[in-house]
């Protein structure tokens, strides 16, 4: 199989693909896709870097970060490509000018002045997009069913919807009514203990263990508690143990002269 394909440059940031270190093929594709499709200039510190079509100005460090490689691995890879006449490298201030060999053949798309690769500049096209003097097979559109004519090519990179951000309200609403979840969040704010996402997960786990989550949350709000507990088993007030009380009474009696 031969020929070329058009791949959008946004593929490197498409969320459909998991970020991971580049393969050598992907690294070479990155170089081709980053190369200028027309002459341009770029300011680097106090100097102007000029790149022609099929060239890019880039540093080894930048490529190492983009490819998730070490700088030494990038350097060895570039030298190997240059040795095989795949690219040419010219060192410059702040980076290297890399020339992609056979760039026009690889891209095989209209060049920067609008002329498709392989076509003489100024050559006219007929109304069907075929250069004058050439013939092409034309399908009989009338013989093609309407449902086939209306079919669209599949989108290789469909727009993905962002994953909704997890919130404390959403976590609690899985167990108790949304309005009650909102009331509990406001209650936590009123006692100076705002409910974070992590805290909401802990509260949700506690609610899964109680027999009546709604009653437990209402009891928590009514009693000013930060957490949730079984409604019928509220926390008992802290009391001193009998032994502690006895020791306190003994000391009081000693100070008063031996007790009653």
C-alpha atoms as a PDB file:
ATOM      1  CA  UNK A   1       0.000   0.000   0.000  1.00  0.00           C
ATOM      2  CA  UNK A   2       1.329   3.402  -0.939  1.00  0.00           C
ATOM      3  CA  UNK A   3       0.222   7.022  -0.900  1.00  0.00           C
ATOM      4  CA  UNK A   4      -0.285   9.528   1.884  1.00  0.00           C
ATOM      5  CA  UNK A   5      -3.075  10.458   4.276  1.00  0.00           C
ATOM      6  CA  UNK A   6      -4.158  13.720   5.852  1.00  0.00           C
ATOM      7  CA  UNK A   7      -4.058  13.707   9.653  1.00  0.00           C
ATOM      8  CA  UNK A   8      -5.066  16.790  11.686  1.00  0.00           C
ATOM      9  CA  UNK A   9      -2.338  18.357  13.796  1.00  0.00           C
ATOM     10  CA  UNK A  10      -4.745  18.386  16.731  1.00  0.00           C
ATOM     11  CA  UNK A  11      -4.303  14.624  17.073  1.00  0.00           C
ATOM     12  CA  UNK A  12      -1.496  15.194  19.595  1.00  0.00           C
ATOM     13  CA  UNK A  13      -3.949  16.900  21.984  1.00  0.00           C
ATOM     14  CA  UNK A  14      -7.052  14.840  21.221  1.00  0.00           C
ATOM     15  CA  UNK A  15      -8.489  13.524  24.545  1.00  0.00           C
ATOM     16  CA  UNK A  16      -9.490  10.285  22.802  1.00  0.00           C
ATOM     17  CA  UNK A  17      -5.857   9.164  22.934  1.00  0.00           C
ATOM     18  CA  UNK A  18      -4.037   8.435  26.186  1.00  0.00           C
ATOM     19  CA  UNK A  19      -0.848  10.518  26.621  1.00  0.00           C
ATOM     20  CA  UNK A  20       2.204   8.286  26.457  1.00  0.00           C
ATOM     21  CA  UNK A  21       5.779   8.356  25.132  1.00  0.00           C
ATOM     22  CA  UNK A  22       6.009   8.592  21.352  1.00  0.00           C
ATOM     23  CA  UNK A  23       7.158   5.731  19.195  1.00  0.00           C
ATOM     24  CA  UNK A  24       9.872   6.540  16.654  1.00  0.00           C
ATOM     25  CA  UNK A  25       7.264   6.644  13.881  1.00  0.00           C
ATOM     26  CA  UNK A  26       5.134   9.078  15.884  1.00  0.00           C
ATOM     27  CA  UNK A  27       8.172  11.250  16.541  1.00  0.00           C
ATOM     28  CA  UNK A  28       8.888  11.431  12.802  1.00  0.00           C
ATOM     29  CA  UNK A  29       5.213  12.201  12.074  1.00  0.00           C
ATOM     30  CA  UNK A  30       5.401  15.008  14.646  1.00  0.00           C
ATOM     31  CA  UNK A  31       8.394  16.514  12.830  1.00  0.00           C
ATOM     32  CA  UNK A  32       6.556  16.419   9.490  1.00  0.00           C
ATOM     33  CA  UNK A  33       3.391  17.915  10.957  1.00  0.00           C
ATOM     34  CA  UNK A  34       5.280  20.691  12.755  1.00  0.00           C
ATOM     35  CA  UNK A  35       7.240  21.685   9.650  1.00  0.00           C
ATOM     36  CA  UNK A  36       6.213  24.963   7.991  1.00  0.00           C
ATOM     37  CA  UNK A  37       3.985  24.607   4.948  1.00  0.00           C
ATOM     38  CA  UNK A  38       5.183  28.010   3.707  1.00  0.00           C
ATOM     39  CA  UNK A  39       8.195  30.240   4.424  1.00  0.00           C
ATOM     40  CA  UNK A  40       7.936  32.030   7.742  1.00  0.00           C
ATOM     41  CA  UNK A  41       9.983  33.882  10.332  1.00  0.00           C
ATOM     42  CA  UNK A  42      10.081  33.389  14.075  1.00  0.00           C
ATOM     43  CA  UNK A  43      11.751  35.512  16.721  1.00  0.00           C
ATOM     44  CA  UNK A  44      14.085  33.630  19.074  1.00  0.00           C
ATOM     45  CA  UNK A  45      15.413  35.935  21.796  1.00  0.00           C
ATOM     46  CA  UNK A  46      17.133  38.752  19.883  1.00  0.00           C
ATOM     47  CA  UNK A  47      17.443  36.858  16.605  1.00  0.00           C
ATOM     48  CA  UNK A  48      15.053  36.065  13.758  1.00  0.00           C
ATOM     49  CA  UNK A  49      14.874  32.432  12.630  1.00  0.00           C
ATOM     50  CA  UNK A  50      13.806  31.970   9.007  1.00  0.00           C
ATOM     51  CA  UNK A  51      12.326  28.646   7.918  1.00  0.00           C
ATOM     52  CA  UNK A  52      11.397  27.584   4.409  1.00  0.00           C
ATOM     53  CA  UNK A  53       8.660  25.190   3.404  1.00  0.00           C
ATOM     54  CA  UNK A  54       9.316  21.789   4.979  1.00  0.00           C
ATOM     55  CA  UNK A  55      11.493  23.198   7.781  1.00  0.00           C
ATOM     56  CA  UNK A  56      10.957  23.760  11.486  1.00  0.00           C
ATOM     57  CA  UNK A  57      12.983  25.565  14.131  1.00  0.00           C
ATOM     58  CA  UNK A  58      12.944  23.586  17.368  1.00  0.00           C
ATOM     59  CA  UNK A  59      15.149  22.718  20.330  1.00  0.00           C
ATOM     60  CA  UNK A  60      16.040  19.236  21.533  1.00  0.00           C
ATOM     61  CA  UNK A  61      14.564  20.059  24.930  1.00  0.00           C
ATOM     62  CA  UNK A  62      11.210  21.016  23.391  1.00  0.00           C
ATOM     63  CA  UNK A  63      11.048  17.765  21.419  1.00  0.00           C
ATOM     64  CA  UNK A  64      12.018  15.756  24.509  1.00  0.00           C
ATOM     65  CA  UNK A  65       9.088  17.270  26.423  1.00  0.00           C
ATOM     66  CA  UNK A  66       6.649  16.799  23.532  1.00  0.00           C
ATOM     67  CA  UNK A  67       7.653  13.180  22.923  1.00  0.00           C
ATOM     68  CA  UNK A  68       8.230  12.262  26.589  1.00  0.00           C
ATOM     69  CA  UNK A  69      11.787  11.200  25.773  1.00  0.00           C
ATOM     70  CA  UNK A  70      15.144  12.031  27.300  1.00  0.00           C
ATOM     71  CA  UNK A  71      17.214  14.665  25.498  1.00  0.00           C
ATOM     72  CA  UNK A  72      19.948  12.136  24.760  1.00  0.00           C
ATOM     73  CA  UNK A  73      17.413   9.790  23.128  1.00  0.00           C
ATOM     74  CA  UNK A  74      16.085  12.634  20.982  1.00  0.00           C
ATOM     75  CA  UNK A  75      19.601  13.602  19.929  1.00  0.00           C
ATOM     76  CA  UNK A  76      20.484  10.038  18.885  1.00  0.00           C
ATOM     77  CA  UNK A  77      17.216   9.647  16.998  1.00  0.00           C
ATOM     78  CA  UNK A  78      17.733  12.871  15.018  1.00  0.00           C
ATOM     79  CA  UNK A  79      21.271  11.898  14.074  1.00  0.00           C
ATOM     80  CA  UNK A  80      20.047   8.512  12.860  1.00  0.00           C
ATOM     81  CA  UNK A  81      17.362  10.136  10.692  1.00  0.00           C
ATOM     82  CA  UNK A  82      19.930  12.533   9.273  1.00  0.00           C
ATOM     83  CA  UNK A  83      22.302   9.677   8.487  1.00  0.00           C
ATOM     84  CA  UNK A  84      19.537   7.962   6.509  1.00  0.00           C
ATOM     85  CA  UNK A  85      18.775  11.193   4.579  1.00  0.00           C
ATOM     86  CA  UNK A  86      15.317  11.464   6.108  1.00  0.00           C
ATOM     87  CA  UNK A  87      15.996  14.904   7.594  1.00  0.00           C
ATOM     88  CA  UNK A  88      18.743  17.492   7.560  1.00  0.00           C
ATOM     89  CA  UNK A  89      19.831  19.384  10.668  1.00  0.00           C
ATOM     90  CA  UNK A  90      21.418  22.814  10.902  1.00  0.00           C
ATOM     91  CA  UNK A  91      22.389  24.073  14.352  1.00  0.00           C
ATOM     92  CA  UNK A  92      21.290  27.571  15.251  1.00  0.00           C
ATOM     93  CA  UNK A  93      21.016  29.952  18.192  1.00  0.00           C
ATOM     94  CA  UNK A  94      18.496  28.550  20.653  1.00  0.00           C
ATOM     95  CA  UNK A  95      17.651  25.490  18.574  1.00  0.00           C
ATOM     96  CA  UNK A  96      18.045  23.563  15.338  1.00  0.00           C
ATOM     97  CA  UNK A  97      16.596  24.065  11.877  1.00  0.00           C
ATOM     98  CA  UNK A  98      15.336  20.668  10.738  1.00  0.00           C
ATOM     99  CA  UNK A  99      14.580  20.142   7.055  1.00  0.00           C
ATOM    100  CA  UNK A 100      12.226  17.293   6.162  1.00  0.00           C
ATOM    101  CA  UNK A 101      13.497  15.582   3.028  1.00  0.00           C
ATOM    102  CA  UNK A 102      10.880  14.950   0.313  1.00  0.00           C
ATOM    103  CA  UNK A 103       8.415  17.147   2.212  1.00  0.00           C
ATOM    104  CA  UNK A 104       6.278  17.850  -0.874  1.00  0.00           C
ATOM    105  CA  UNK A 105       5.934  14.148  -1.639  1.00  0.00           C
ATOM    106  CA  UNK A 106       4.978  13.377   1.955  1.00  0.00           C
ATOM    107  CA  UNK A 107       2.386  16.122   2.261  1.00  0.00           C
ATOM    108  CA  UNK A 108       0.993  15.683  -1.254  1.00  0.00           C
ATOM    109  CA  UNK A 109      -1.407  18.559  -0.674  1.00  0.00           C
ATOM    110  CA  UNK A 110      -1.775  21.984  -2.285  1.00  0.00           C
ATOM    111  CA  UNK A 111       1.353  23.987  -1.610  1.00  0.00           C
ATOM    112  CA  UNK A 112       1.347  27.391   0.019  1.00  0.00           C
ATOM    113  CA  UNK A 113       0.492  29.232  -3.240  1.00  0.00           C
ATOM    114  CA  UNK A 114      -2.532  27.002  -3.826  1.00  0.00           C
ATOM    115  CA  UNK A 115      -1.021  24.726  -6.489  1.00  0.00           C
ATOM    116  CA  UNK A 116      -1.400  20.984  -5.768  1.00  0.00           C
ATOM    117  CA  UNK A 117       1.857  19.042  -5.598  1.00  0.00           C
ATOM    118  CA  UNK A 118       2.743  17.598  -8.991  1.00  0.00           C
ATOM    119  CA  UNK A 119       0.773  20.219 -10.950  1.00  0.00           C
ATOM    120  CA  UNK A 120       2.448  22.974 -12.921  1.00  0.00           C
ATOM    121  CA  UNK A 121       1.739  26.419 -11.509  1.00  0.00           C
ATOM    122  CA  UNK A 122      -0.905  28.159 -13.596  1.00  0.00           C
ATOM    123  CA  UNK A 123      -2.447  24.935 -14.911  1.00  0.00           C
ATOM    124  CA  UNK A 124      -6.211  25.349 -15.062  1.00  0.00           C
ATOM    125  CA  UNK A 125      -8.821  23.035 -13.604  1.00  0.00           C
ATOM    126  CA  UNK A 126     -12.097  22.150 -15.235  1.00  0.00           C
ATOM    127  CA  UNK A 127     -15.353  22.558 -13.323  1.00  0.00           C
ATOM    128  CA  UNK A 128     -15.028  19.036 -11.934  1.00  0.00           C
ATOM    129  CA  UNK A 129     -11.585  19.648 -10.426  1.00  0.00           C
ATOM    130  CA  UNK A 130      -9.683  17.741 -13.146  1.00  0.00           C
ATOM    131  CA  UNK A 131      -6.709  19.455 -14.846  1.00  0.00           C
ATOM    132  CA  UNK A 132      -7.457  20.410 -18.440  1.00  0.00           C
ATOM    133  CA  UNK A 133      -6.390  17.689 -20.853  1.00  0.00           C
ATOM    134  CA  UNK A 134      -7.124  14.858 -18.436  1.00  0.00           C
ATOM    135  CA  UNK A 135     -10.211  12.670 -18.320  1.00  0.00           C
ATOM    136  CA  UNK A 136     -11.746  10.981 -15.370  1.00  0.00           C
ATOM    137  CA  UNK A 137     -14.539   8.522 -14.839  1.00  0.00           C
ATOM    138  CA  UNK A 138     -17.751  10.206 -13.781  1.00  0.00           C
ATOM    139  CA  UNK A 139     -20.305   8.100 -11.910  1.00  0.00           C
ATOM    140  CA  UNK A 140     -23.926   8.300 -12.960  1.00  0.00           C
ATOM    141  CA  UNK A 141     -25.383  10.096  -9.973  1.00  0.00           C
ATOM    142  CA  UNK A 142     -28.925   9.328 -11.103  1.00  0.00           C
ATOM    143  CA  UNK A 143     -28.246   5.613 -10.622  1.00  0.00           C
ATOM    144  CA  UNK A 144     -27.077   6.020  -7.011  1.00  0.00           C
ATOM    145  CA  UNK A 145     -29.817   5.606  -4.363  1.00  0.00           C
ATOM    146  CA  UNK A 146     -30.675   8.740  -2.391  1.00  0.00           C
ATOM    147  CA  UNK A 147     -29.763   7.123   0.938  1.00  0.00           C
ATOM    148  CA  UNK A 148     -26.218   6.467  -0.333  1.00  0.00           C
ATOM    149  CA  UNK A 149     -25.814   9.969  -1.758  1.00  0.00           C
ATOM    150  CA  UNK A 150     -26.744  11.466   1.608  1.00  0.00           C
ATOM    151  CA  UNK A 151     -24.241   9.380   3.566  1.00  0.00           C
ATOM    152  CA  UNK A 152     -21.406  11.347   5.129  1.00  0.00           C
ATOM    153  CA  UNK A 153     -17.901  10.167   5.760  1.00  0.00           C
ATOM    154  CA  UNK A 154     -17.378   9.121   9.399  1.00  0.00           C
ATOM    155  CA  UNK A 155     -15.709  11.628  11.665  1.00  0.00           C
ATOM    156  CA  UNK A 156     -12.358  10.116  12.631  1.00  0.00           C
ATOM    157  CA  UNK A 157     -11.899  12.600  15.465  1.00  0.00           C
ATOM    158  CA  UNK A 158     -15.364  13.448  16.827  1.00  0.00           C
ATOM    159  CA  UNK A 159     -15.614  16.156  19.405  1.00  0.00           C
ATOM    160  CA  UNK A 160     -15.661  14.594  22.844  1.00  0.00           C
ATOM    161  CA  UNK A 161     -17.782  15.980  25.628  1.00  0.00           C
ATOM    162  CA  UNK A 162     -15.883  16.988  28.749  1.00  0.00           C
ATOM    163  CA  UNK A 163     -16.325  14.745  31.759  1.00  0.00           C
ATOM    164  CA  UNK A 164     -18.549  16.538  34.301  1.00  0.00           C
ATOM    165  CA  UNK A 165     -16.696  17.696  37.388  1.00  0.00           C
ATOM    166  CA  UNK A 166     -17.523  15.772  40.551  1.00  0.00           C
ATOM    167  CA  UNK A 167     -19.164  17.896  43.243  1.00  0.00           C
ATOM    168  CA  UNK A 168     -20.162  17.354  46.852  1.00  0.00           C
ATOM    169  CA  UNK A 169     -23.801  17.939  45.927  1.00  0.00           C
ATOM    170  CA  UNK A 170     -23.708  15.288  43.196  1.00  0.00           C
ATOM    171  CA  UNK A 171     -22.123  12.754  45.560  1.00  0.00           C
ATOM    172  CA  UNK A 172     -24.734  13.232  48.296  1.00  0.00           C
ATOM    173  CA  UNK A 173     -27.620  13.362  45.796  1.00  0.00           C
ATOM    174  CA  UNK A 174     -26.930   9.721  44.949  1.00  0.00           C
ATOM    175  CA  UNK A 175     -28.149   8.771  48.442  1.00  0.00           C
ATOM    176  CA  UNK A 176     -30.452  11.552  49.679  1.00  0.00           C
ATOM    177  CA  UNK A 177     -32.783  13.985  47.858  1.00  0.00           C
ATOM    178  CA  UNK A 178     -30.934  16.841  46.091  1.00  0.00           C
ATOM    179  CA  UNK A 179     -32.701  19.510  48.174  1.00  0.00           C
ATOM    180  CA  UNK A 180     -31.638  17.834  51.412  1.00  0.00           C
ATOM    181  CA  UNK A 181     -28.102  17.482  50.077  1.00  0.00           C
ATOM    182  CA  UNK A 182     -28.072  21.224  49.405  1.00  0.00           C
ATOM    183  CA  UNK A 183     -29.359  21.928  52.933  1.00  0.00           C
ATOM    184  CA  UNK A 184     -26.615  19.772  54.456  1.00  0.00           C
ATOM    185  CA  UNK A 185     -23.930  21.551  52.431  1.00  0.00           C
ATOM    186  CA  UNK A 186     -25.274  24.933  53.614  1.00  0.00           C
ATOM    187  CA  UNK A 187     -25.372  23.578  57.175  1.00  0.00           C
ATOM    188  CA  UNK A 188     -21.689  22.622  56.975  1.00  0.00           C
ATOM    189  CA  UNK A 189     -20.868  26.138  55.775  1.00  0.00           C
ATOM    190  CA  UNK A 190     -22.796  27.645  58.689  1.00  0.00           C
ATOM    191  CA  UNK A 191     -20.697  25.691  61.229  1.00  0.00           C
ATOM    192  CA  UNK A 192     -17.467  26.751  59.490  1.00  0.00           C
ATOM    193  CA  UNK A 193     -16.791  23.265  58.104  1.00  0.00           C
ATOM    194  CA  UNK A 194     -17.395  23.501  54.343  1.00  0.00           C
ATOM    195  CA  UNK A 195     -18.051  20.147  52.702  1.00  0.00           C
ATOM    196  CA  UNK A 196     -15.263  19.278  50.272  1.00  0.00           C
ATOM    197  CA  UNK A 197     -15.537  16.536  47.668  1.00  0.00           C
ATOM    198  CA  UNK A 198     -13.365  14.259  49.809  1.00  0.00           C
ATOM    199  CA  UNK A 199     -15.485  14.942  52.902  1.00  0.00           C
ATOM    200  CA  UNK A 200     -18.655  14.354  50.881  1.00  0.00           C
ATOM    201  CA  UNK A 201     -17.384  10.914  49.910  1.00  0.00           C
ATOM    202  CA  UNK A 202     -16.799  10.071  53.585  1.00  0.00           C
ATOM    203  CA  UNK A 203     -20.283  11.283  54.546  1.00  0.00           C
ATOM    204  CA  UNK A 204     -21.785   9.281  51.679  1.00  0.00           C
ATOM    205  CA  UNK A 205     -20.035   6.138  52.891  1.00  0.00           C
ATOM    206  CA  UNK A 206     -21.424   6.730  56.395  1.00  0.00           C
ATOM    207  CA  UNK A 207     -24.942   7.255  55.022  1.00  0.00           C
ATOM    208  CA  UNK A 208     -24.776   3.923  53.220  1.00  0.00           C
ATOM    209  CA  UNK A 209     -24.351   2.236  56.611  1.00  0.00           C
ATOM    210  CA  UNK A 210     -27.312   3.842  58.410  1.00  0.00           C
ATOM    211  CA  UNK A 211     -30.860   2.512  58.194  1.00  0.00           C
ATOM    212  CA  UNK A 212     -32.478   5.863  57.308  1.00  0.00           C
ATOM    213  CA  UNK A 213     -30.093   8.299  55.552  1.00  0.00           C
ATOM    214  CA  UNK A 214     -32.706  11.083  55.296  1.00  0.00           C
ATOM    215  CA  UNK A 215     -33.495  10.968  59.017  1.00  0.00           C
ATOM    216  CA  UNK A 216     -29.792  10.894  59.890  1.00  0.00           C
ATOM    217  CA  UNK A 217     -29.044  13.992  57.792  1.00  0.00           C
ATOM    218  CA  UNK A 218     -32.020  15.867  59.247  1.00  0.00           C
ATOM    219  CA  UNK A 219     -30.842  14.956  62.758  1.00  0.00           C
ATOM    220  CA  UNK A 220     -27.337  16.147  61.929  1.00  0.00           C
ATOM    221  CA  UNK A 221     -28.638  19.512  60.715  1.00  0.00           C
ATOM    222  CA  UNK A 222     -30.994  19.878  63.694  1.00  0.00           C
ATOM    223  CA  UNK A 223     -28.301  19.082  66.276  1.00  0.00           C
ATOM    224  CA  UNK A 224     -25.516  21.054  64.621  1.00  0.00           C
ATOM    225  CA  UNK A 225     -23.374  17.995  63.937  1.00  0.00           C
ATOM    226  CA  UNK A 226     -20.718  17.916  61.245  1.00  0.00           C
ATOM    227  CA  UNK A 227     -21.146  14.195  60.608  1.00  0.00           C
ATOM    228  CA  UNK A 228     -24.124  11.849  60.327  1.00  0.00           C
ATOM    229  CA  UNK A 229     -25.257   9.218  62.810  1.00  0.00           C
ATOM    230  CA  UNK A 230     -28.186   6.891  63.412  1.00  0.00           C
ATOM    231  CA  UNK A 231     -31.127   9.054  64.499  1.00  0.00           C
ATOM    232  CA  UNK A 232     -32.051   6.795  67.413  1.00  0.00           C
ATOM    233  CA  UNK A 233     -28.498   6.561  68.746  1.00  0.00           C
ATOM    234  CA  UNK A 234     -27.230  10.129  69.141  1.00  0.00           C
ATOM    235  CA  UNK A 235     -23.816  10.675  70.560  1.00  0.00           C
ATOM    236  CA  UNK A 236     -23.807  10.539  74.354  1.00  0.00           C
ATOM    237  CA  UNK A 237     -22.341  13.558  76.165  1.00  0.00           C
ATOM    238  CA  UNK A 238     -18.842  13.075  77.461  1.00  0.00           C
ATOM    239  CA  UNK A 239     -18.825  12.144  81.186  1.00  0.00           C
ATOM    240  CA  UNK A 240     -16.064  11.397  83.655  1.00  0.00           C
ATOM    241  CA  UNK A 241     -15.594   7.810  84.717  1.00  0.00           C
ATOM    242  CA  UNK A 242     -16.633   6.865  88.294  1.00  0.00           C
ATOM    243  CA  UNK A 243     -13.042   6.355  89.262  1.00  0.00           C
ATOM    244  CA  UNK A 244     -12.201   9.882  88.162  1.00  0.00           C
ATOM    245  CA  UNK A 245     -15.113  11.304  90.183  1.00  0.00           C
ATOM    246  CA  UNK A 246     -14.004   9.391  93.287  1.00  0.00           C
ATOM    247  CA  UNK A 247     -10.474  10.757  92.995  1.00  0.00           C
ATOM    248  CA  UNK A 248     -11.742  14.310  92.677  1.00  0.00           C
ATOM    249  CA  UNK A 249     -13.986  13.926  95.766  1.00  0.00           C
ATOM    250  CA  UNK A 250     -11.099  12.464  97.780  1.00  0.00           C
ATOM    251  CA  UNK A 251      -8.896  15.471  97.000  1.00  0.00           C
ATOM    252  CA  UNK A 252     -11.708  17.877  97.958  1.00  0.00           C
ATOM    253  CA  UNK A 253     -12.244  16.063 101.254  1.00  0.00           C
ATOM    254  CA  UNK A 254      -8.534  16.155 102.044  1.00  0.00           C
ATOM    255  CA  UNK A 255      -8.418  19.924 101.517  1.00  0.00           C
ATOM    256  CA  UNK A 256     -11.471  20.345 103.767  1.00  0.00           C
ATOM    257  CA  UNK A 257      -9.912  18.432 106.643  1.00  0.00           C
ATOM    258  CA  UNK A 258     -10.839  14.822 106.202  1.00  0.00           C
ATOM    259  CA  UNK A 259     -14.362  14.831 104.835  1.00  0.00           C
ATOM    260  CA  UNK A 260     -17.746  14.643 106.538  1.00  0.00           C
END
